[in-house]
């Protein structure tokens, strides 16, 4: 996800020998593609897709997570989730998380030998503030109204 400020933020779901090996993180790259920091925790649990609302010096990231409850070492039984992260995004200052809110949960997800994992993906934010999520395993588009202003799911 490229922000107007030049920062690029990408999801990382680590694997070892073809198996998922941890909850993953978001990697923050500068405008030259150098890794500047990582964002872990804050509800990130298998980042799979992301979109953003860029306000300039502040941005909101909407991250789909696919690991909730599908691996034995994960305590979260909410299924796939959607997390909103409010971050600083000013040029020349490494982004940092200001707030994190789970705004959606219960999306089915499962591991898959061909795709690693299948779960919520394909996120898009409508002009009306509704976040649309491709609920892949249910073959539907889910809508999360008021995604920008939600304080909980």
N, C-alpha and C. Protein backbone atom coordinates (compact mmCIF):
# COMPACT_ATOMS: atom_id res chain seq x y z
N UNK A 1 0.85 -1.15 0.00
CA UNK A 1 0.00 0.00 0.00
C UNK A 1 0.91 1.23 0.00
N UNK A 2 0.86 2.01 -1.05
CA UNK A 2 1.66 3.23 -1.14
C UNK A 2 0.85 4.41 -0.59
N UNK A 3 1.47 5.18 0.28
CA UNK A 3 0.83 6.37 0.85
C UNK A 3 1.35 7.61 0.15
N UNK A 4 0.57 8.69 0.17
CA UNK A 4 0.98 9.93 -0.48
C UNK A 4 2.31 10.45 0.04
N UNK A 5 2.62 10.15 1.27
CA UNK A 5 3.84 10.64 1.89
C UNK A 5 5.10 9.91 1.39
N UNK A 6 4.93 8.87 0.58
CA UNK A 6 6.07 8.13 0.05
C UNK A 6 6.31 6.80 0.75
N UNK A 7 5.70 6.59 1.91
CA UNK A 7 5.86 5.33 2.62
C UNK A 7 5.08 4.23 1.89
N UNK A 8 5.63 3.01 1.91
CA UNK A 8 4.96 1.85 1.35
C UNK A 8 4.86 0.82 2.48
N UNK A 9 3.67 0.28 2.68
CA UNK A 9 3.47 -0.68 3.77
C UNK A 9 2.93 -1.97 3.15
N UNK A 10 3.63 -3.07 3.45
CA UNK A 10 3.25 -4.37 2.89
C UNK A 10 3.09 -5.39 4.00
N UNK A 11 2.23 -6.37 3.77
CA UNK A 11 2.02 -7.44 4.74
C UNK A 11 3.02 -8.56 4.55
N UNK A 12 3.33 -9.23 5.64
CA UNK A 12 4.24 -10.37 5.60
C UNK A 12 3.67 -11.49 6.46
N UNK A 13 3.45 -12.65 5.86
CA UNK A 13 3.01 -13.83 6.59
C UNK A 13 4.13 -14.86 6.44
N UNK A 14 4.96 -15.02 7.47
CA UNK A 14 6.17 -15.85 7.34
C UNK A 14 5.87 -17.34 7.26
N UNK A 15 6.71 -18.05 6.51
CA UNK A 15 6.60 -19.49 6.40
C UNK A 15 7.97 -20.12 6.64
N UNK A 16 7.93 -21.38 7.03
CA UNK A 16 9.15 -22.18 7.18
C UNK A 16 8.82 -23.56 6.66
N UNK A 17 9.59 -24.00 5.67
CA UNK A 17 9.35 -25.30 5.04
C UNK A 17 7.91 -25.43 4.53
N UNK A 18 7.36 -24.35 3.99
CA UNK A 18 6.02 -24.38 3.41
C UNK A 18 4.87 -24.26 4.38
N UNK A 19 5.17 -24.08 5.66
CA UNK A 19 4.11 -23.94 6.66
C UNK A 19 4.18 -22.56 7.31
N UNK A 20 3.03 -22.05 7.69
CA UNK A 20 2.98 -20.75 8.36
C UNK A 20 3.74 -20.84 9.67
N UNK A 21 4.64 -19.88 9.91
CA UNK A 21 5.51 -19.97 11.09
C UNK A 21 5.33 -18.85 12.10
N UNK A 22 4.34 -18.00 11.92
CA UNK A 22 4.11 -16.93 12.89
C UNK A 22 2.97 -16.04 12.45
N UNK A 23 2.59 -15.10 13.31
CA UNK A 23 1.43 -14.25 13.02
C UNK A 23 1.68 -13.20 11.94
N UNK A 24 2.92 -12.94 11.59
CA UNK A 24 3.21 -11.97 10.56
C UNK A 24 3.28 -10.55 11.08
N UNK A 25 3.46 -9.63 10.15
CA UNK A 25 3.64 -8.22 10.49
C UNK A 25 3.38 -7.38 9.25
N UNK A 26 3.48 -6.09 9.42
CA UNK A 26 3.49 -5.15 8.29
C UNK A 26 4.91 -4.60 8.21
N UNK A 27 5.43 -4.52 7.01
CA UNK A 27 6.78 -4.00 6.79
C UNK A 27 6.66 -2.61 6.19
N UNK A 28 7.37 -1.65 6.78
CA UNK A 28 7.33 -0.26 6.33
C UNK A 28 8.59 0.01 5.50
N UNK A 29 8.38 0.40 4.24
CA UNK A 29 9.46 0.72 3.31
C UNK A 29 9.46 2.21 3.03
N UNK A 30 10.66 2.77 2.85
CA UNK A 30 10.73 4.19 2.46
C UNK A 30 10.56 4.29 0.95
N UNK A 31 10.64 5.50 0.43
CA UNK A 31 10.39 5.74 -0.99
C UNK A 31 11.43 5.10 -1.90
N UNK A 32 12.55 4.64 -1.34
CA UNK A 32 13.59 3.96 -2.12
C UNK A 32 13.53 2.44 -1.93
N UNK A 33 12.50 1.95 -1.24
CA UNK A 33 12.33 0.52 -1.06
C UNK A 33 13.13 -0.09 0.07
N UNK A 34 13.70 0.74 0.93
CA UNK A 34 14.46 0.22 2.08
C UNK A 34 13.53 -0.02 3.26
N UNK A 35 13.73 -1.15 3.93
CA UNK A 35 12.95 -1.45 5.12
C UNK A 35 13.34 -0.48 6.22
N UNK A 36 12.35 0.22 6.77
CA UNK A 36 12.61 1.20 7.82
C UNK A 36 12.09 0.74 9.18
N UNK A 37 11.01 -0.07 9.19
CA UNK A 37 10.49 -0.60 10.45
C UNK A 37 9.49 -1.70 10.16
N UNK A 38 9.06 -2.36 11.21
CA UNK A 38 7.97 -3.34 11.10
C UNK A 38 6.91 -2.99 12.13
N UNK A 39 5.69 -3.35 11.81
CA UNK A 39 4.57 -3.17 12.73
C UNK A 39 4.05 -4.56 13.05
N UNK A 40 4.16 -4.97 14.31
CA UNK A 40 3.67 -6.27 14.75
C UNK A 40 2.74 -6.06 15.94
N UNK A 41 1.99 -7.09 16.29
CA UNK A 41 1.00 -6.93 17.36
C UNK A 41 -0.16 -6.11 16.84
N UNK A 42 -0.77 -5.34 17.68
CA UNK A 42 -1.86 -4.43 17.30
C UNK A 42 -2.99 -5.16 16.57
N UNK A 43 -3.19 -6.45 16.86
CA UNK A 43 -4.26 -7.21 16.22
C UNK A 43 -3.87 -7.85 14.90
N UNK A 44 -2.62 -7.70 14.49
CA UNK A 44 -2.18 -8.31 13.24
C UNK A 44 -1.97 -9.81 13.48
N UNK A 45 -2.71 -10.64 12.72
CA UNK A 45 -2.65 -12.09 12.91
C UNK A 45 -2.84 -12.76 11.55
N UNK A 46 -1.80 -12.70 10.75
CA UNK A 46 -1.88 -13.27 9.41
C UNK A 46 -2.37 -12.26 8.40
N UNK A 47 -1.66 -11.14 8.23
CA UNK A 47 -2.12 -10.12 7.27
C UNK A 47 -2.18 -10.70 5.87
N UNK A 48 -3.32 -10.51 5.20
CA UNK A 48 -3.52 -11.12 3.91
C UNK A 48 -3.84 -10.10 2.82
N UNK A 49 -4.47 -9.02 3.19
CA UNK A 49 -4.76 -7.96 2.23
C UNK A 49 -4.95 -6.66 3.00
N UNK A 50 -4.91 -5.54 2.27
CA UNK A 50 -4.97 -4.25 2.95
C UNK A 50 -5.40 -3.17 1.97
N UNK A 51 -6.10 -2.17 2.50
CA UNK A 51 -6.37 -0.93 1.79
C UNK A 51 -6.17 0.19 2.79
N UNK A 52 -6.17 1.44 2.31
CA UNK A 52 -5.90 2.56 3.22
C UNK A 52 -6.74 3.76 2.86
N UNK A 53 -6.97 4.59 3.86
CA UNK A 53 -7.55 5.91 3.71
C UNK A 53 -6.45 6.87 4.13
N UNK A 54 -5.94 7.62 3.18
CA UNK A 54 -4.77 8.47 3.40
C UNK A 54 -5.22 9.91 3.63
N UNK A 55 -5.02 10.39 4.85
CA UNK A 55 -5.39 11.77 5.21
C UNK A 55 -4.19 12.72 5.16
N UNK A 56 -3.05 12.26 4.68
CA UNK A 56 -1.84 13.08 4.68
C UNK A 56 -0.90 12.65 5.79
N UNK A 57 -0.90 13.36 6.91
CA UNK A 57 -0.01 13.00 8.02
C UNK A 57 -0.53 11.86 8.88
N UNK A 58 -1.78 11.49 8.69
CA UNK A 58 -2.40 10.36 9.39
C UNK A 58 -3.06 9.48 8.33
N UNK A 59 -2.91 8.18 8.46
CA UNK A 59 -3.56 7.24 7.54
C UNK A 59 -4.25 6.15 8.34
N UNK A 60 -5.28 5.58 7.74
CA UNK A 60 -5.97 4.44 8.34
C UNK A 60 -5.76 3.25 7.44
N UNK A 61 -5.19 2.19 8.00
CA UNK A 61 -4.97 0.95 7.26
C UNK A 61 -6.05 -0.04 7.66
N UNK A 62 -6.64 -0.70 6.69
CA UNK A 62 -7.64 -1.73 6.93
C UNK A 62 -7.01 -3.05 6.49
N UNK A 63 -6.69 -3.91 7.45
CA UNK A 63 -5.91 -5.12 7.21
C UNK A 63 -6.79 -6.35 7.46
N UNK A 64 -6.86 -7.24 6.46
CA UNK A 64 -7.53 -8.51 6.70
C UNK A 64 -6.52 -9.49 7.28
N UNK A 65 -6.96 -10.26 8.26
CA UNK A 65 -6.13 -11.28 8.92
C UNK A 65 -6.77 -12.64 8.69
N UNK A 66 -5.95 -13.67 8.46
CA UNK A 66 -6.49 -14.98 8.12
C UNK A 66 -6.18 -16.08 9.12
N UNK A 67 -5.48 -15.79 10.20
CA UNK A 67 -5.05 -16.89 11.07
C UNK A 67 -5.93 -17.16 12.27
N UNK A 68 -6.87 -16.30 12.59
CA UNK A 68 -7.68 -16.46 13.79
C UNK A 68 -8.32 -17.82 13.94
N UNK A 69 -7.79 -18.62 14.84
CA UNK A 69 -8.38 -19.91 15.18
C UNK A 69 -8.03 -21.06 14.27
N UNK A 70 -7.27 -20.85 13.18
CA UNK A 70 -7.01 -21.97 12.28
C UNK A 70 -5.70 -22.70 12.57
N UNK A 71 -4.85 -22.12 13.41
CA UNK A 71 -3.63 -22.79 13.80
C UNK A 71 -3.63 -23.01 15.30
N UNK A 72 -3.07 -24.12 15.74
CA UNK A 72 -3.12 -24.49 17.15
C UNK A 72 -2.53 -23.47 18.10
N UNK A 73 -1.51 -22.73 17.69
CA UNK A 73 -0.87 -21.79 18.61
C UNK A 73 -1.52 -20.41 18.63
N UNK A 74 -2.63 -20.25 17.95
CA UNK A 74 -3.34 -18.97 17.96
C UNK A 74 -4.54 -19.07 18.88
N UNK A 75 -4.62 -18.17 19.84
CA UNK A 75 -5.70 -18.18 20.82
C UNK A 75 -6.97 -17.54 20.29
N UNK A 76 -6.86 -16.71 19.26
CA UNK A 76 -7.98 -15.98 18.70
C UNK A 76 -8.88 -16.94 17.93
N UNK A 77 -10.09 -17.15 18.38
CA UNK A 77 -11.02 -18.04 17.69
C UNK A 77 -12.07 -17.24 16.92
N UNK A 78 -11.75 -16.00 16.58
CA UNK A 78 -12.69 -15.13 15.87
C UNK A 78 -12.73 -15.41 14.38
N UNK A 79 -11.97 -16.38 13.89
CA UNK A 79 -11.86 -16.60 12.46
C UNK A 79 -11.07 -15.46 11.84
N UNK A 80 -11.23 -15.28 10.54
CA UNK A 80 -10.58 -14.15 9.88
C UNK A 80 -11.14 -12.85 10.40
N UNK A 81 -10.29 -11.86 10.52
CA UNK A 81 -10.70 -10.57 11.08
C UNK A 81 -10.29 -9.42 10.17
N UNK A 82 -10.83 -8.25 10.46
CA UNK A 82 -10.40 -7.01 9.82
C UNK A 82 -10.00 -6.05 10.92
N UNK A 83 -8.79 -5.54 10.82
CA UNK A 83 -8.23 -4.63 11.82
C UNK A 83 -8.03 -3.26 11.18
N UNK A 84 -8.45 -2.21 11.87
CA UNK A 84 -8.16 -0.84 11.41
C UNK A 84 -7.02 -0.30 12.26
N UNK A 85 -5.95 0.11 11.60
CA UNK A 85 -4.82 0.72 12.29
C UNK A 85 -4.74 2.18 11.88
N UNK A 86 -4.72 3.07 12.84
CA UNK A 86 -4.50 4.49 12.57
C UNK A 86 -3.01 4.73 12.80
N UNK A 87 -2.34 5.23 11.76
CA UNK A 87 -0.89 5.42 11.84
C UNK A 87 -0.50 6.85 11.47
N UNK A 88 0.66 7.27 11.96
CA UNK A 88 1.24 8.51 11.47
C UNK A 88 1.81 8.20 10.09
N UNK A 89 1.76 9.15 9.18
CA UNK A 89 2.27 8.89 7.83
C UNK A 89 2.91 10.13 7.20
N UNK A 90 3.48 10.97 8.03
CA UNK A 90 4.12 12.19 7.53
C UNK A 90 5.43 11.84 6.81
N UNK A 91 5.77 12.59 5.78
CA UNK A 91 7.05 12.35 5.11
C UNK A 91 8.21 12.50 6.09
N UNK A 92 9.22 11.70 5.91
CA UNK A 92 10.49 11.77 6.68
C UNK A 92 10.35 11.38 8.14
N UNK A 93 9.20 10.88 8.57
CA UNK A 93 9.03 10.36 9.93
C UNK A 93 8.46 8.96 9.82
N UNK A 94 9.18 7.98 10.31
CA UNK A 94 8.74 6.60 10.19
C UNK A 94 7.35 6.43 10.81
N UNK A 95 6.42 5.84 10.06
CA UNK A 95 5.07 5.64 10.59
C UNK A 95 5.05 4.85 11.89
N UNK A 96 4.12 5.21 12.76
CA UNK A 96 3.91 4.47 14.00
C UNK A 96 2.42 4.36 14.25
N UNK A 97 2.02 3.33 14.98
CA UNK A 97 0.61 3.07 15.25
C UNK A 97 0.11 3.97 16.37
N UNK A 98 -0.99 4.65 16.11
CA UNK A 98 -1.64 5.49 17.13
C UNK A 98 -2.81 4.77 17.77
N UNK A 99 -3.52 3.94 17.00
CA UNK A 99 -4.69 3.22 17.51
C UNK A 99 -4.93 1.99 16.66
N UNK A 100 -5.55 0.99 17.27
CA UNK A 100 -5.87 -0.24 16.57
C UNK A 100 -7.24 -0.73 17.05
N UNK A 101 -8.11 -1.09 16.10
CA UNK A 101 -9.46 -1.53 16.43
C UNK A 101 -9.85 -2.69 15.52
N UNK A 102 -10.35 -3.78 16.11
CA UNK A 102 -10.91 -4.86 15.32
C UNK A 102 -12.31 -4.42 14.90
N UNK A 103 -12.53 -4.31 13.59
CA UNK A 103 -13.83 -3.84 13.11
C UNK A 103 -14.65 -4.93 12.43
N UNK A 104 -14.10 -6.12 12.30
CA UNK A 104 -14.83 -7.23 11.72
C UNK A 104 -14.22 -8.55 12.12
N UNK A 105 -15.03 -9.58 12.24
CA UNK A 105 -14.53 -10.91 12.58
C UNK A 105 -15.51 -11.96 12.10
N UNK A 106 -15.13 -13.23 12.26
CA UNK A 106 -16.00 -14.33 11.89
C UNK A 106 -15.90 -14.75 10.44
N UNK A 107 -14.94 -14.21 9.70
CA UNK A 107 -14.75 -14.64 8.32
C UNK A 107 -14.08 -16.01 8.32
N UNK A 108 -14.63 -16.97 7.58
CA UNK A 108 -13.99 -18.28 7.56
C UNK A 108 -12.62 -18.20 6.89
N UNK A 109 -11.70 -19.00 7.38
CA UNK A 109 -10.36 -19.07 6.82
C UNK A 109 -9.84 -20.48 7.05
N UNK A 110 -8.98 -20.94 6.16
CA UNK A 110 -8.38 -22.25 6.32
C UNK A 110 -7.05 -22.29 5.59
N UNK A 111 -6.19 -23.19 6.04
CA UNK A 111 -4.94 -23.40 5.31
C UNK A 111 -5.28 -24.13 4.02
N UNK A 112 -4.40 -23.99 3.04
CA UNK A 112 -4.62 -24.61 1.74
C UNK A 112 -3.26 -24.96 1.14
N UNK A 113 -3.07 -26.18 0.67
CA UNK A 113 -1.76 -26.57 0.15
C UNK A 113 -1.34 -25.81 -1.11
N UNK A 114 -2.29 -25.27 -1.85
CA UNK A 114 -1.96 -24.55 -3.09
C UNK A 114 -1.85 -23.04 -2.91
N UNK A 115 -2.56 -22.50 -1.92
CA UNK A 115 -2.58 -21.05 -1.75
C UNK A 115 -2.04 -20.61 -0.40
N UNK A 116 -1.49 -21.53 0.40
CA UNK A 116 -1.02 -21.31 1.76
C UNK A 116 -2.19 -21.15 2.71
N UNK A 117 -3.04 -20.16 2.46
CA UNK A 117 -4.22 -19.95 3.29
C UNK A 117 -5.29 -19.27 2.44
N UNK A 118 -6.54 -19.54 2.75
CA UNK A 118 -7.66 -18.90 2.07
C UNK A 118 -8.51 -18.24 3.15
N UNK A 119 -8.83 -16.99 2.95
CA UNK A 119 -9.63 -16.26 3.92
C UNK A 119 -10.05 -14.92 3.36
N UNK A 120 -10.41 -13.98 4.24
CA UNK A 120 -10.89 -12.67 3.77
C UNK A 120 -9.80 -11.91 3.04
N UNK A 121 -10.15 -11.37 1.90
CA UNK A 121 -9.18 -10.64 1.07
C UNK A 121 -9.96 -9.62 0.24
N UNK A 122 -9.28 -8.99 -0.70
CA UNK A 122 -9.96 -8.08 -1.61
C UNK A 122 -10.72 -6.97 -0.93
N UNK A 123 -10.06 -6.13 -0.16
CA UNK A 123 -10.74 -5.06 0.57
C UNK A 123 -10.76 -3.76 -0.22
N UNK A 124 -11.88 -3.07 -0.13
CA UNK A 124 -12.04 -1.77 -0.78
C UNK A 124 -12.92 -0.88 0.07
N UNK A 125 -12.57 0.38 0.16
CA UNK A 125 -13.33 1.33 0.97
C UNK A 125 -14.19 2.19 0.06
N UNK A 126 -15.51 2.15 0.29
CA UNK A 126 -16.44 2.95 -0.50
C UNK A 126 -16.47 4.39 -0.04
N UNK A 127 -16.98 5.26 -0.88
CA UNK A 127 -17.07 6.69 -0.54
C UNK A 127 -17.95 6.95 0.68
N UNK A 128 -18.86 6.02 0.95
CA UNK A 128 -19.76 6.18 2.08
C UNK A 128 -19.16 5.66 3.39
N UNK A 129 -17.88 5.25 3.37
CA UNK A 129 -17.23 4.75 4.58
C UNK A 129 -17.45 3.28 4.85
N UNK A 130 -18.11 2.59 3.92
CA UNK A 130 -18.30 1.15 4.06
C UNK A 130 -17.07 0.43 3.52
N UNK A 131 -16.57 -0.53 4.30
CA UNK A 131 -15.45 -1.35 3.86
C UNK A 131 -16.03 -2.63 3.27
N UNK A 132 -15.65 -2.95 2.05
CA UNK A 132 -16.11 -4.16 1.38
C UNK A 132 -14.98 -5.19 1.43
N UNK A 133 -15.34 -6.42 1.84
CA UNK A 133 -14.36 -7.48 2.03
C UNK A 133 -14.82 -8.70 1.24
N UNK A 134 -13.91 -9.26 0.44
CA UNK A 134 -14.22 -10.50 -0.26
C UNK A 134 -14.14 -11.65 0.75
N UNK A 135 -15.30 -12.19 1.09
CA UNK A 135 -15.41 -13.34 1.98
C UNK A 135 -15.26 -14.57 1.09
N UNK A 136 -14.04 -14.94 0.81
CA UNK A 136 -13.71 -15.92 -0.22
C UNK A 136 -14.40 -17.26 -0.01
N UNK A 137 -14.34 -17.81 1.19
CA UNK A 137 -14.89 -19.14 1.41
C UNK A 137 -16.42 -19.18 1.39
N UNK A 138 -17.06 -18.04 1.62
CA UNK A 138 -18.52 -17.98 1.50
C UNK A 138 -18.97 -17.45 0.15
N UNK A 139 -18.01 -17.15 -0.72
CA UNK A 139 -18.30 -16.68 -2.07
C UNK A 139 -19.25 -15.48 -2.08
N UNK A 140 -18.89 -14.46 -1.28
CA UNK A 140 -19.73 -13.26 -1.19
C UNK A 140 -18.84 -12.05 -0.90
N UNK A 141 -19.43 -10.89 -1.06
CA UNK A 141 -18.79 -9.65 -0.64
C UNK A 141 -19.49 -9.20 0.63
N UNK A 142 -18.74 -9.06 1.71
CA UNK A 142 -19.29 -8.59 2.99
C UNK A 142 -19.08 -7.09 3.09
N UNK A 143 -19.98 -6.43 3.76
CA UNK A 143 -19.89 -4.98 3.95
C UNK A 143 -19.78 -4.67 5.45
N UNK A 144 -18.82 -3.81 5.79
CA UNK A 144 -18.67 -3.33 7.16
C UNK A 144 -18.97 -1.84 7.12
N UNK A 145 -20.22 -1.44 7.47
CA UNK A 145 -20.57 -0.02 7.41
C UNK A 145 -19.84 0.79 8.47
N UNK A 146 -19.59 2.05 8.15
CA UNK A 146 -18.95 2.95 9.11
C UNK A 146 -17.56 2.51 9.53
N UNK A 147 -16.82 1.85 8.65
CA UNK A 147 -15.52 1.28 9.00
C UNK A 147 -14.52 2.33 9.49
N UNK A 148 -14.63 3.53 8.99
CA UNK A 148 -13.68 4.59 9.38
C UNK A 148 -13.92 5.07 10.80
N UNK A 149 -15.17 4.98 11.27
CA UNK A 149 -15.50 5.53 12.57
C UNK A 149 -15.81 4.50 13.64
N UNK A 150 -15.77 3.22 13.30
CA UNK A 150 -16.12 2.16 14.27
C UNK A 150 -15.16 2.13 15.44
N UNK A 151 -15.71 1.91 16.62
CA UNK A 151 -14.90 1.75 17.82
C UNK A 151 -14.78 0.30 18.21
N UNK A 152 -15.57 -0.56 17.60
CA UNK A 152 -15.50 -2.01 17.82
C UNK A 152 -16.21 -2.68 16.66
N UNK A 153 -16.29 -4.02 16.73
CA UNK A 153 -16.94 -4.74 15.64
C UNK A 153 -18.41 -4.65 15.84
